[in-house]
C-alpha atoms as a PDB file:
ATOM      1  CA  UNK A   1       1.920  19.034 -44.995  1.00  0.00           C
ATOM      2  CA  UNK A   2      -0.832  16.624 -43.491  1.00  0.00           C
ATOM      3  CA  UNK A   3       1.029  13.559 -44.803  1.00  0.00           C
ATOM      4  CA  UNK A   4       4.232  14.810 -43.278  1.00  0.00           C
ATOM      5  CA  UNK A   5       2.656  15.331 -39.775  1.00  0.00           C
ATOM      6  CA  UNK A   6       1.090  12.017 -39.978  1.00  0.00           C
ATOM      7  CA  UNK A   7       4.316  10.217 -40.845  1.00  0.00           C
ATOM      8  CA  UNK A   8       5.948  12.112 -38.088  1.00  0.00           C
ATOM      9  CA  UNK A   9       3.372  10.968 -35.506  1.00  0.00           C
ATOM     10  CA  UNK A  10       3.741   7.359 -36.773  1.00  0.00           C
ATOM     11  CA  UNK A  11       7.529   7.659 -36.153  1.00  0.00           C
ATOM     12  CA  UNK A  12       7.092   9.003 -32.608  1.00  0.00           C
ATOM     13  CA  UNK A  13       4.502   6.293 -31.846  1.00  0.00           C
ATOM     14  CA  UNK A  14       6.966   3.599 -33.083  1.00  0.00           C
ATOM     15  CA  UNK A  15       9.741   5.047 -30.992  1.00  0.00           C
ATOM     16  CA  UNK A  16       7.618   5.152 -27.942  1.00  0.00           C
ATOM     17  CA  UNK A  17       6.521   1.573 -28.486  1.00  0.00           C
ATOM     18  CA  UNK A  18      10.105   0.465 -28.860  1.00  0.00           C
ATOM     19  CA  UNK A  19      10.912   2.396 -25.642  1.00  0.00           C
ATOM     20  CA  UNK A  20       8.162   0.667 -23.795  1.00  0.00           C
ATOM     21  CA  UNK A  21       9.140  -2.665 -25.014  1.00  0.00           C
ATOM     22  CA  UNK A  22      12.755  -2.144 -23.991  1.00  0.00           C
ATOM     23  CA  UNK A  23      11.702  -1.033 -20.416  1.00  0.00           C
ATOM     24  CA  UNK A  24       9.454  -3.997 -20.126  1.00  0.00           C
ATOM     25  CA  UNK A  25      12.241  -6.414 -21.173  1.00  0.00           C
ATOM     26  CA  UNK A  26      14.727  -4.606 -18.845  1.00  0.00           C
ATOM     27  CA  UNK A  27      12.102  -4.909 -15.874  1.00  0.00           C
ATOM     28  CA  UNK A  28      11.761  -8.691 -16.472  1.00  0.00           C
ATOM     29  CA  UNK A  29      15.497  -9.026 -16.723  1.00  0.00           C
ATOM     30  CA  UNK A  30      15.986  -7.286 -13.215  1.00  0.00           C
ATOM     31  CA  UNK A  31      13.170  -9.385 -11.753  1.00  0.00           C
ATOM     32  CA  UNK A  32      15.006 -12.532 -12.902  1.00  0.00           C
ATOM     33  CA  UNK A  33      18.262 -11.225 -11.588  1.00  0.00           C
ATOM     34  CA  UNK A  34      17.073 -10.292  -8.170  1.00  0.00           C
ATOM     35  CA  UNK A  35      15.008 -13.468  -7.828  1.00  0.00           C
ATOM     36  CA  UNK A  36      18.355 -15.397  -8.277  1.00  0.00           C
ATOM     37  CA  UNK A  37      20.328 -13.166  -6.129  1.00  0.00           C
ATOM     38  CA  UNK A  38      18.047 -13.288  -3.242  1.00  0.00           C
ATOM     39  CA  UNK A  39      18.234 -16.958  -3.071  1.00  0.00           C
ATOM     40  CA  UNK A  40      22.085 -16.882  -2.564  1.00  0.00           C
ATOM     41  CA  UNK A  41      23.071 -13.633  -1.061  1.00  0.00           C
ATOM     42  CA  UNK A  42      23.441 -13.565   2.839  1.00  0.00           C
ATOM     43  CA  UNK A  43      20.735 -11.560   4.559  1.00  0.00           C
ATOM     44  CA  UNK A  44      23.054  -8.655   5.601  1.00  0.00           C
ATOM     45  CA  UNK A  45      24.238  -8.296   2.046  1.00  0.00           C
ATOM     46  CA  UNK A  46      20.637  -8.188   0.802  1.00  0.00           C
ATOM     47  CA  UNK A  47      20.096  -5.384   3.090  1.00  0.00           C
ATOM     48  CA  UNK A  48      23.121  -3.556   1.841  1.00  0.00           C
ATOM     49  CA  UNK A  49      21.865  -4.212  -1.725  1.00  0.00           C
ATOM     50  CA  UNK A  50      18.531  -2.744  -1.159  1.00  0.00           C
ATOM     51  CA  UNK A  51      20.062   0.428   0.460  1.00  0.00           C
ATOM     52  CA  UNK A  52      22.403   0.843  -2.643  1.00  0.00           C
ATOM     53  CA  UNK A  53      19.701   0.453  -5.080  1.00  0.00           C
ATOM     54  CA  UNK A  54      17.375   2.805  -3.068  1.00  0.00           C
ATOM     55  CA  UNK A  55      20.219   5.490  -3.139  1.00  0.00           C
ATOM     56  CA  UNK A  56      20.736   4.885  -6.871  1.00  0.00           C
ATOM     57  CA  UNK A  57      17.168   5.375  -7.766  1.00  0.00           C
ATOM     58  CA  UNK A  58      17.116   8.584  -5.463  1.00  0.00           C
ATOM     59  CA  UNK A  59      20.135   9.925  -7.403  1.00  0.00           C
ATOM     60  CA  UNK A  60      18.892   9.079 -11.006  1.00  0.00           C
ATOM     61  CA  UNK A  61      15.218   9.925 -10.638  1.00  0.00           C
ATOM     62  CA  UNK A  62      15.164  13.705  -9.812  1.00  0.00           C
ATOM     63  CA  UNK A  63      11.553  14.082 -10.770  1.00  0.00           C
ATOM     64  CA  UNK A  64      10.407  11.404  -8.296  1.00  0.00           C
ATOM     65  CA  UNK A  65      12.795  12.828  -5.657  1.00  0.00           C
ATOM     66  CA  UNK A  66      11.429  16.309  -5.954  1.00  0.00           C
ATOM     67  CA  UNK A  67       7.869  15.042  -5.752  1.00  0.00           C
ATOM     68  CA  UNK A  68       8.586  13.219  -2.730  1.00  0.00           C
ATOM     69  CA  UNK A  69      10.321  16.105  -0.839  1.00  0.00           C
ATOM     70  CA  UNK A  70       7.385  18.359  -1.982  1.00  0.00           C
ATOM     71  CA  UNK A  71       4.780  16.089  -0.519  1.00  0.00           C
ATOM     72  CA  UNK A  72       6.954  15.881   2.716  1.00  0.00           C
ATOM     73  CA  UNK A  73       6.858  19.594   2.838  1.00  0.00           C
ATOM     74  CA  UNK A  74       3.218  19.863   2.367  1.00  0.00           C
ATOM     75  CA  UNK A  75       2.698  17.332   5.175  1.00  0.00           C
ATOM     76  CA  UNK A  76       5.255  18.533   7.791  1.00  0.00           C
ATOM     77  CA  UNK A  77       5.410  22.382   6.877  1.00  0.00           C
ATOM     78  CA  UNK A  78       8.200  23.564   9.113  1.00  0.00           C
ATOM     79  CA  UNK A  79       8.655  20.606  11.205  1.00  0.00           C
ATOM     80  CA  UNK A  80      11.771  19.391   9.544  1.00  0.00           C
ATOM     81  CA  UNK A  81      14.749  21.056   7.744  1.00  0.00           C
ATOM     82  CA  UNK A  82      14.924  20.448   3.970  1.00  0.00           C
ATOM     83  CA  UNK A  83      17.963  18.127   4.622  1.00  0.00           C
ATOM     84  CA  UNK A  84      16.159  15.977   6.833  1.00  0.00           C
ATOM     85  CA  UNK A  85      13.146  15.796   4.542  1.00  0.00           C
ATOM     86  CA  UNK A  86      15.627  14.612   1.770  1.00  0.00           C
ATOM     87  CA  UNK A  87      16.953  11.954   4.195  1.00  0.00           C
ATOM     88  CA  UNK A  88      13.418  10.751   4.887  1.00  0.00           C
ATOM     89  CA  UNK A  89      12.698  10.634   1.094  1.00  0.00           C
ATOM     90  CA  UNK A  90      15.957   8.591   0.620  1.00  0.00           C
ATOM     91  CA  UNK A  91      14.980   6.086   3.407  1.00  0.00           C
ATOM     92  CA  UNK A  92      11.453   5.689   2.188  1.00  0.00           C
ATOM     93  CA  UNK A  93      12.746   4.564  -1.177  1.00  0.00           C
ATOM     94  CA  UNK A  94      15.257   2.323   0.523  1.00  0.00           C
ATOM     95  CA  UNK A  95      12.528   0.849   2.748  1.00  0.00           C
ATOM     96  CA  UNK A  96      10.379   0.256  -0.300  1.00  0.00           C
ATOM     97  CA  UNK A  97      13.153  -1.874  -2.075  1.00  0.00           C
ATOM     98  CA  UNK A  98      13.855  -3.779   1.216  1.00  0.00           C
ATOM     99  CA  UNK A  99      10.017  -4.644   1.256  1.00  0.00           C
ATOM    100  CA  UNK A 100      10.206  -5.594  -2.417  1.00  0.00           C
ATOM    101  CA  UNK A 101      13.196  -7.876  -1.591  1.00  0.00           C
ATOM    102  CA  UNK A 102      11.348  -9.550   1.309  1.00  0.00           C
ATOM    103  CA  UNK A 103       8.233 -10.063  -0.907  1.00  0.00           C
ATOM    104  CA  UNK A 104      10.332 -11.772  -3.510  1.00  0.00           C
ATOM    105  CA  UNK A 105      11.632 -14.048  -0.884  1.00  0.00           C
ATOM    106  CA  UNK A 106       8.079 -15.342  -0.041  1.00  0.00           C
ATOM    107  CA  UNK A 107       8.813 -18.896  -1.616  1.00  0.00           C
ATOM    108  CA  UNK A 108      11.726 -19.424   0.760  1.00  0.00           C
ATOM    109  CA  UNK A 109       9.677 -18.362   3.970  1.00  0.00           C
ATOM    110  CA  UNK A 110       7.948 -21.171   5.926  1.00  0.00           C
ATOM    111  CA  UNK A 111       5.051 -20.284   8.210  1.00  0.00           C
ATOM    112  CA  UNK A 112       7.393 -20.299  11.120  1.00  0.00           C
ATOM    113  CA  UNK A 113       9.630 -17.896   9.283  1.00  0.00           C
ATOM    114  CA  UNK A 114       6.705 -15.548   8.775  1.00  0.00           C
ATOM    115  CA  UNK A 115       5.847 -15.711  12.550  1.00  0.00           C
ATOM    116  CA  UNK A 116       9.642 -15.159  13.470  1.00  0.00           C
ATOM    117  CA  UNK A 117       9.982 -12.116  11.158  1.00  0.00           C
ATOM    118  CA  UNK A 118       6.715 -10.204  12.328  1.00  0.00           C
ATOM    119  CA  UNK A 119       5.956  -9.889  15.822  1.00  0.00           C
ATOM    120  CA  UNK A 120       2.236  -8.827  16.483  1.00  0.00           C
ATOM    121  CA  UNK A 121       0.670  -6.359  18.838  1.00  0.00           C
ATOM    122  CA  UNK A 122      -3.124  -6.018  19.285  1.00  0.00           C
ATOM    123  CA  UNK A 123      -4.087  -9.436  17.737  1.00  0.00           C
ATOM    124  CA  UNK A 124      -7.087  -9.514  20.237  1.00  0.00           C
ATOM    125  CA  UNK A 125      -8.682  -6.584  18.499  1.00  0.00           C
ATOM    126  CA  UNK A 126      -9.195  -8.957  15.598  1.00  0.00           C
ATOM    127  CA  UNK A 127     -10.776 -11.544  17.879  1.00  0.00           C
ATOM    128  CA  UNK A 128     -12.959  -8.971  19.506  1.00  0.00           C
ATOM    129  CA  UNK A 129     -14.189  -7.587  16.114  1.00  0.00           C
ATOM    130  CA  UNK A 130     -14.981 -11.018  14.629  1.00  0.00           C
ATOM    131  CA  UNK A 131     -17.151 -11.808  17.775  1.00  0.00           C
ATOM    132  CA  UNK A 132     -19.912  -9.728  16.078  1.00  0.00           C
ATOM    133  CA  UNK A 133     -20.012 -12.217  13.280  1.00  0.00           C
ATOM    134  CA  UNK A 134     -20.253  -9.464  10.652  1.00  0.00           C
ATOM    135  CA  UNK A 135     -16.655  -9.644   9.299  1.00  0.00           C
ATOM    136  CA  UNK A 136     -13.804  -7.219   9.481  1.00  0.00           C
ATOM    137  CA  UNK A 137     -12.325  -4.720   7.078  1.00  0.00           C
ATOM    138  CA  UNK A 138      -8.633  -4.208   7.528  1.00  0.00           C
ATOM    139  CA  UNK A 139      -7.851  -0.628   6.579  1.00  0.00           C
ATOM    140  CA  UNK A 140      -4.293   0.101   5.919  1.00  0.00           C
ATOM    141  CA  UNK A 141      -1.841   2.147   3.860  1.00  0.00           C
ATOM    142  CA  UNK A 142       1.109   1.884   1.318  1.00  0.00           C
ATOM    143  CA  UNK A 143       3.136   1.793   4.649  1.00  0.00           C
ATOM    144  CA  UNK A 144       5.955  -0.638   5.469  1.00  0.00           C
ATOM    145  CA  UNK A 145       5.766  -4.207   4.051  1.00  0.00           C
ATOM    146  CA  UNK A 146       1.950  -4.459   3.906  1.00  0.00           C
ATOM    147  CA  UNK A 147       2.360  -7.744   1.887  1.00  0.00           C
ATOM    148  CA  UNK A 148       4.286  -9.266   4.835  1.00  0.00           C
ATOM    149  CA  UNK A 149       1.644  -8.006   7.235  1.00  0.00           C
ATOM    150  CA  UNK A 150      -0.990  -9.794   5.185  1.00  0.00           C
ATOM    151  CA  UNK A 151       1.025 -13.160   5.337  1.00  0.00           C
ATOM    152  CA  UNK A 152       1.315 -12.814   9.057  1.00  0.00           C
ATOM    153  CA  UNK A 153      -2.452 -12.305   9.298  1.00  0.00           C
ATOM    154  CA  UNK A 154      -2.867 -15.742   7.743  1.00  0.00           C
ATOM    155  CA  UNK A 155      -0.833 -17.304  10.446  1.00  0.00           C
ATOM    156  CA  UNK A 156      -3.083 -15.846  13.126  1.00  0.00           C
ATOM    157  CA  UNK A 157      -6.099 -17.858  11.736  1.00  0.00           C
ATOM    158  CA  UNK A 158      -8.043 -15.079   9.968  1.00  0.00           C
ATOM    159  CA  UNK A 159      -8.830 -15.925   6.329  1.00  0.00           C
ATOM    160  CA  UNK A 160      -8.159 -12.678   4.448  1.00  0.00           C
ATOM    161  CA  UNK A 161      -8.881 -11.446   0.994  1.00  0.00           C
ATOM    162  CA  UNK A 162      -6.965  -8.473  -0.300  1.00  0.00           C
ATOM    163  CA  UNK A 163      -8.165  -5.941  -2.866  1.00  0.00           C
ATOM    164  CA  UNK A 164      -5.214  -5.053  -5.136  1.00  0.00           C
ATOM    165  CA  UNK A 165      -4.751  -2.973  -8.236  1.00  0.00           C
ATOM    166  CA  UNK A 166      -3.695  -5.051 -11.341  1.00  0.00           C
ATOM    167  CA  UNK A 167      -0.271  -4.170 -12.896  1.00  0.00           C
ATOM    168  CA  UNK A 168      -0.234  -3.090 -16.492  1.00  0.00           C
ATOM    169  CA  UNK A 169       2.723  -5.591 -17.120  1.00  0.00           C
ATOM    170  CA  UNK A 170       1.097  -8.920 -17.201  1.00  0.00           C
ATOM    171  CA  UNK A 171       4.337 -10.819 -16.019  1.00  0.00           C
ATOM    172  CA  UNK A 172       4.827  -8.489 -13.067  1.00  0.00           C
ATOM    173  CA  UNK A 173       1.028  -8.804 -12.114  1.00  0.00           C
ATOM    174  CA  UNK A 174       1.191 -12.489 -12.269  1.00  0.00           C
ATOM    175  CA  UNK A 175       4.302 -12.741 -10.086  1.00  0.00           C
ATOM    176  CA  UNK A 176       2.667 -10.344  -7.534  1.00  0.00           C
ATOM    177  CA  UNK A 177      -0.403 -12.319  -7.401  1.00  0.00           C
ATOM    178  CA  UNK A 178       1.296 -15.640  -6.965  1.00  0.00           C
ATOM    179  CA  UNK A 179       3.623 -14.439  -4.299  1.00  0.00           C
ATOM    180  CA  UNK A 180       0.739 -12.918  -2.390  1.00  0.00           C
ATOM    181  CA  UNK A 181      -1.583 -16.022  -2.686  1.00  0.00           C
ATOM    182  CA  UNK A 182       1.384 -18.413  -1.834  1.00  0.00           C
ATOM    183  CA  UNK A 183       1.122 -17.263   1.708  1.00  0.00           C
ATOM    184  CA  UNK A 184      -2.610 -17.704   2.148  1.00  0.00           C
ATOM    185  CA  UNK A 185      -3.822 -14.194   1.115  1.00  0.00           C
ATOM    186  CA  UNK A 186      -6.641 -14.409  -1.538  1.00  0.00           C
ATOM    187  CA  UNK A 187      -6.643 -11.753  -4.168  1.00  0.00           C
ATOM    188  CA  UNK A 188      -9.389  -9.649  -5.909  1.00  0.00           C
ATOM    189  CA  UNK A 189      -8.308  -7.289  -8.657  1.00  0.00           C
ATOM    190  CA  UNK A 190      -9.505  -3.828  -8.187  1.00  0.00           C
ATOM    191  CA  UNK A 191     -11.759  -2.448 -11.048  1.00  0.00           C
ATOM    192  CA  UNK A 192     -13.785  -5.721 -11.404  1.00  0.00           C
ATOM    193  CA  UNK A 193     -17.393  -5.872  -9.815  1.00  0.00           C
ATOM    194  CA  UNK A 194     -16.482  -6.853  -6.290  1.00  0.00           C
ATOM    195  CA  UNK A 195     -19.194  -5.295  -3.925  1.00  0.00           C
ATOM    196  CA  UNK A 196     -21.239  -8.582  -3.762  1.00  0.00           C
ATOM    197  CA  UNK A 197     -18.035 -10.698  -3.348  1.00  0.00           C
ATOM    198  CA  UNK A 198     -16.891  -8.657  -0.388  1.00  0.00           C
ATOM    199  CA  UNK A 199     -20.274  -8.471   0.994  1.00  0.00           C
ATOM    200  CA  UNK A 200     -20.490 -12.217   0.812  1.00  0.00           C
ATOM    201  CA  UNK A 201     -17.158 -12.638   2.544  1.00  0.00           C
ATOM    202  CA  UNK A 202     -18.167 -10.094   5.473  1.00  0.00           C
ATOM    203  CA  UNK A 203     -21.476 -12.117   5.935  1.00  0.00           C
ATOM    204  CA  UNK A 204     -19.336 -15.225   6.368  1.00  0.00           C
ATOM    205  CA  UNK A 205     -17.445 -13.282   9.156  1.00  0.00           C
ATOM    206  CA  UNK A 206     -14.190 -13.194   7.129  1.00  0.00           C
ATOM    207  CA  UNK A 207     -11.683 -10.464   6.748  1.00  0.00           C
ATOM    208  CA  UNK A 208     -10.929  -8.106   3.615  1.00  0.00           C
ATOM    209  CA  UNK A 209      -7.857  -5.991   3.347  1.00  0.00           C
ATOM    210  CA  UNK A 210      -8.216  -2.515   1.666  1.00  0.00           C
ATOM    211  CA  UNK A 211      -5.434  -0.112   1.116  1.00  0.00           C
ATOM    212  CA  UNK A 212      -7.048   3.080   1.865  1.00  0.00           C
ATOM    213  CA  UNK A 213      -4.512   5.899   1.576  1.00  0.00           C
ATOM    214  CA  UNK A 214      -4.651   6.989  -2.141  1.00  0.00           C
ATOM    215  CA  UNK A 215      -6.224   9.807  -3.919  1.00  0.00           C
ATOM    216  CA  UNK A 216      -9.807   8.724  -4.829  1.00  0.00           C
ATOM    217  CA  UNK A 217     -10.443  11.532  -7.259  1.00  0.00           C
ATOM    218  CA  UNK A 218     -13.692  13.623  -7.491  1.00  0.00           C
ATOM    219  CA  UNK A 219     -15.789  10.688  -6.370  1.00  0.00           C
ATOM    220  CA  UNK A 220     -13.974  10.396  -3.045  1.00  0.00           C
ATOM    221  CA  UNK A 221     -14.846  11.776   0.331  1.00  0.00           C
ATOM    222  CA  UNK A 222     -12.805  14.797   1.521  1.00  0.00           C
ATOM    223  CA  UNK A 223     -11.251  14.461   4.924  1.00  0.00           C
ATOM    224  CA  UNK A 224      -8.460  16.025   6.818  1.00  0.00           C
ATOM    225  CA  UNK A 225      -5.002  14.757   6.277  1.00  0.00           C
ATOM    226  CA  UNK A 226      -1.810  16.672   7.517  1.00  0.00           C
ATOM    227  CA  UNK A 227      -3.956  19.818   7.776  1.00  0.00           C
ATOM    228  CA  UNK A 228      -5.433  19.852   4.190  1.00  0.00           C
ATOM    229  CA  UNK A 229      -8.481  18.197   2.670  1.00  0.00           C
ATOM    230  CA  UNK A 230      -7.700  14.966   0.538  1.00  0.00           C
ATOM    231  CA  UNK A 231      -9.951  12.832  -1.353  1.00  0.00           C
ATOM    232  CA  UNK A 232     -10.321   9.318   0.149  1.00  0.00           C
ATOM    233  CA  UNK A 233     -11.875   6.020  -0.768  1.00  0.00           C
ATOM    234  CA  UNK A 234     -15.154   5.479   0.938  1.00  0.00           C
ATOM    235  CA  UNK A 235     -15.177   1.709   0.559  1.00  0.00           C
ATOM    236  CA  UNK A 236     -14.280   0.606   4.260  1.00  0.00           C
ATOM    237  CA  UNK A 237     -16.896   3.215   5.692  1.00  0.00           C
ATOM    238  CA  UNK A 238     -19.477   2.138   3.144  1.00  0.00           C
ATOM    239  CA  UNK A 239     -19.157  -1.473   3.981  1.00  0.00           C
ATOM    240  CA  UNK A 240     -19.185  -0.774   7.619  1.00  0.00           C
ATOM    241  CA  UNK A 241     -22.525   1.092   7.411  1.00  0.00           C
ATOM    242  CA  UNK A 242     -24.187  -1.331   4.968  1.00  0.00           C
ATOM    243  CA  UNK A 243     -23.110  -4.684   6.580  1.00  0.00           C
ATOM    244  CA  UNK A 244     -22.353  -3.664  10.145  1.00  0.00           C
ATOM    245  CA  UNK A 245     -18.660  -4.994   9.841  1.00  0.00           C
ATOM    246  CA  UNK A 246     -15.826  -3.490  11.918  1.00  0.00           C
ATOM    247  CA  UNK A 247     -12.998  -1.577  10.581  1.00  0.00           C
ATOM    248  CA  UNK A 248      -9.560  -2.137  12.119  1.00  0.00           C
ATOM    249  CA  UNK A 249      -6.536  -0.027  11.080  1.00  0.00           C
ATOM    250  CA  UNK A 250      -3.279  -1.924  10.941  1.00  0.00           C
ATOM    251  CA  UNK A 251       0.215  -1.183  10.156  1.00  0.00           C
ATOM    252  CA  UNK A 252       3.606  -2.837  10.047  1.00  0.00           C
ATOM    253  CA  UNK A 253       6.804  -1.160  11.516  1.00  0.00           C
ATOM    254  CA  UNK A 254      10.171  -2.193  10.104  1.00  0.00           C
ATOM    255  CA  UNK A 255      12.695  -2.710  12.839  1.00  0.00           C
ATOM    256  CA  UNK A 256      15.308  -4.275  10.613  1.00  0.00           C
ATOM    257  CA  UNK A 257      15.562  -6.383   7.355  1.00  0.00           C
ATOM    258  CA  UNK A 258      13.337  -9.241   7.844  1.00  0.00           C
ATOM    259  CA  UNK A 259      12.343  -7.906  11.362  1.00  0.00           C
ATOM    260  CA  UNK A 260       9.044  -6.117  11.763  1.00  0.00           C
ATOM    261  CA  UNK A 261       6.158  -5.399  14.256  1.00  0.00           C
ATOM    262  CA  UNK A 262       2.525  -5.662  13.099  1.00  0.00           C
ATOM    263  CA  UNK A 263       0.081  -3.436  15.119  1.00  0.00           C
ATOM    264  CA  UNK A 264      -3.669  -4.028  15.059  1.00  0.00           C
ATOM    265  CA  UNK A 265      -5.574  -1.035  16.405  1.00  0.00           C
ATOM    266  CA  UNK A 266      -9.035  -1.295  18.065  1.00  0.00           C
ATOM    267  CA  UNK A 267     -11.895  -1.015  15.646  1.00  0.00           C
ATOM    268  CA  UNK A 268     -12.912   2.449  14.501  1.00  0.00           C
ATOM    269  CA  UNK A 269     -15.922   3.494  16.493  1.00  0.00           C
ATOM    270  CA  UNK A 270     -18.384   6.163  15.686  1.00  0.00           C
ATOM    271  CA  UNK A 271     -21.701   7.498  17.100  1.00  0.00           C
ATOM    272  CA  UNK A 272     -24.307   6.595  14.604  1.00  0.00           C
ATOM    273  CA  UNK A 273     -26.322   9.585  13.231  1.00  0.00           C
ATOM    274  CA  UNK A 274     -28.898   7.857  11.234  1.00  0.00           C
ATOM    275  CA  UNK A 275     -27.659   9.343   8.138  1.00  0.00           C
ATOM    276  CA  UNK A 276     -25.732   7.027   6.073  1.00  0.00           C
ATOM    277  CA  UNK A 277     -23.636   9.552   4.324  1.00  0.00           C
ATOM    278  CA  UNK A 278     -22.516  11.210   7.432  1.00  0.00           C
ATOM    279  CA  UNK A 279     -21.689   7.786   9.148  1.00  0.00           C
ATOM    280  CA  UNK A 280     -19.607   6.648   6.092  1.00  0.00           C
ATOM    281  CA  UNK A 281     -17.743   9.953   6.199  1.00  0.00           C
ATOM    282  CA  UNK A 282     -17.216   9.638   9.971  1.00  0.00           C
ATOM    283  CA  UNK A 283     -15.609   6.154   9.455  1.00  0.00           C
ATOM    284  CA  UNK A 284     -13.397   7.697   6.722  1.00  0.00           C
ATOM    285  CA  UNK A 285     -12.114  10.216   9.092  1.00  0.00           C
ATOM    286  CA  UNK A 286     -11.507   7.659  11.708  1.00  0.00           C
ATOM    287  CA  UNK A 287      -9.142   5.429   9.628  1.00  0.00           C
ATOM    288  CA  UNK A 288      -7.519   8.255   7.809  1.00  0.00           C
ATOM    289  CA  UNK A 289      -6.629   9.781  11.138  1.00  0.00           C
ATOM    290  CA  UNK A 290      -5.020   6.529  12.085  1.00  0.00           C
ATOM    291  CA  UNK A 291      -3.070   6.550   8.915  1.00  0.00           C
ATOM    292  CA  UNK A 292      -1.836  10.124   9.562  1.00  0.00           C
ATOM    293  CA  UNK A 293      -0.832   9.334  12.988  1.00  0.00           C
ATOM    294  CA  UNK A 294       1.394   6.327  11.892  1.00  0.00           C
ATOM    295  CA  UNK A 295       2.846   8.409   9.079  1.00  0.00           C
ATOM    296  CA  UNK A 296       3.764  11.227  11.391  1.00  0.00           C
ATOM    297  CA  UNK A 297       5.476   8.686  13.758  1.00  0.00           C
ATOM    298  CA  UNK A 298       7.111   6.731  11.007  1.00  0.00           C
ATOM    299  CA  UNK A 299       7.530   9.254   7.897  1.00  0.00           C
ATOM    300  CA  UNK A 300      10.051   7.048   6.167  1.00  0.00           C
ATOM    301  CA  UNK A 301       7.595   4.166   5.996  1.00  0.00           C
ATOM    302  CA  UNK A 302       5.080   5.752   3.729  1.00  0.00           C
ATOM    303  CA  UNK A 303       5.011   5.818   0.007  1.00  0.00           C
ATOM    304  CA  UNK A 304       5.726   9.673  -0.728  1.00  0.00           C
ATOM    305  CA  UNK A 305       5.755   9.218  -4.464  1.00  0.00           C
ATOM    306  CA  UNK A 306       1.915   8.910  -4.575  1.00  0.00           C
ATOM    307  CA  UNK A 307       0.138  12.227  -5.436  1.00  0.00           C
ATOM    308  CA  UNK A 308      -2.018  12.250  -2.313  1.00  0.00           C
ATOM    309  CA  UNK A 309      -3.069  15.865  -2.606  1.00  0.00           C
ATOM    310  CA  UNK A 310      -3.822  15.709  -6.560  1.00  0.00           C
ATOM    311  CA  UNK A 311      -7.512  16.235  -6.194  1.00  0.00           C
ATOM    312  CA  UNK A 312      -8.564  19.650  -4.659  1.00  0.00           C
ATOM    313  CA  UNK A 313     -11.807  19.809  -2.672  1.00  0.00           C
ATOM    314  CA  UNK A 314     -14.791  21.262  -4.223  1.00  0.00           C
ATOM    315  CA  UNK A 315     -14.258  25.178  -4.354  1.00  0.00           C
ATOM    316  CA  UNK A 316     -10.774  24.667  -3.003  1.00  0.00           C
END
């Protein structure tokens, strides 16, 4: 009986390994295909193709669709009818595909193209923040085409290093890092020792980008987000308290395919309490509130597939 179970487990393991290998090959095929298509298709057809693929994913992935609509209901309660929530979820997927297409087209964009594609509001807030000489943390979210916004920051003359989570697929990860760094954004993989690296960058009055809207698990700080407590990463606030750097929330609004508006808000200000823990929490509340404000205003720009409310607060 034991040998029978062992053999069955081995068969399951082999089947799963085969499925993963097939998914990986299929992913690489589509990357190659779209890289080729995006070099020859007219821009308006790229936009239509992105919308079609987004619609197709929405139809054939019911689990993801239900998760998105469930998250939307949790955030907006009774503000929208179910039919509108479903439309927001669809547009969110379509906008994500459009952003992926634009990102894949980075090799075709000159610096002048990046400037043309992304108009900027609030660039003076970066200048004002860097006057203190202690560096700047850009706190943003999986909102709009954040990769394109990072490329636009480089054109403004602010050397930026982004912290990104490495992808499990080595080919995909290499492609993302190469595209990101091709437009001047330096990359630090999340998960490696980086505290000293980031501290040195801030001490040199440089800028660091942290995507700060994901679930941080039981070690995170619990802050309000759409009327519920969520676990948030403490990184931006921790660096602000320990180094004196400024935190600037920033977002990018899609106004069309290859047409965006980047918005840099004033630095998050708190009233120092003398208690480092309380001050880190105050900063965390500040930039999380900015993220909520923009998600409320542009709900189809956010990545609703993420399980933002996964970790309940202590005692919750």
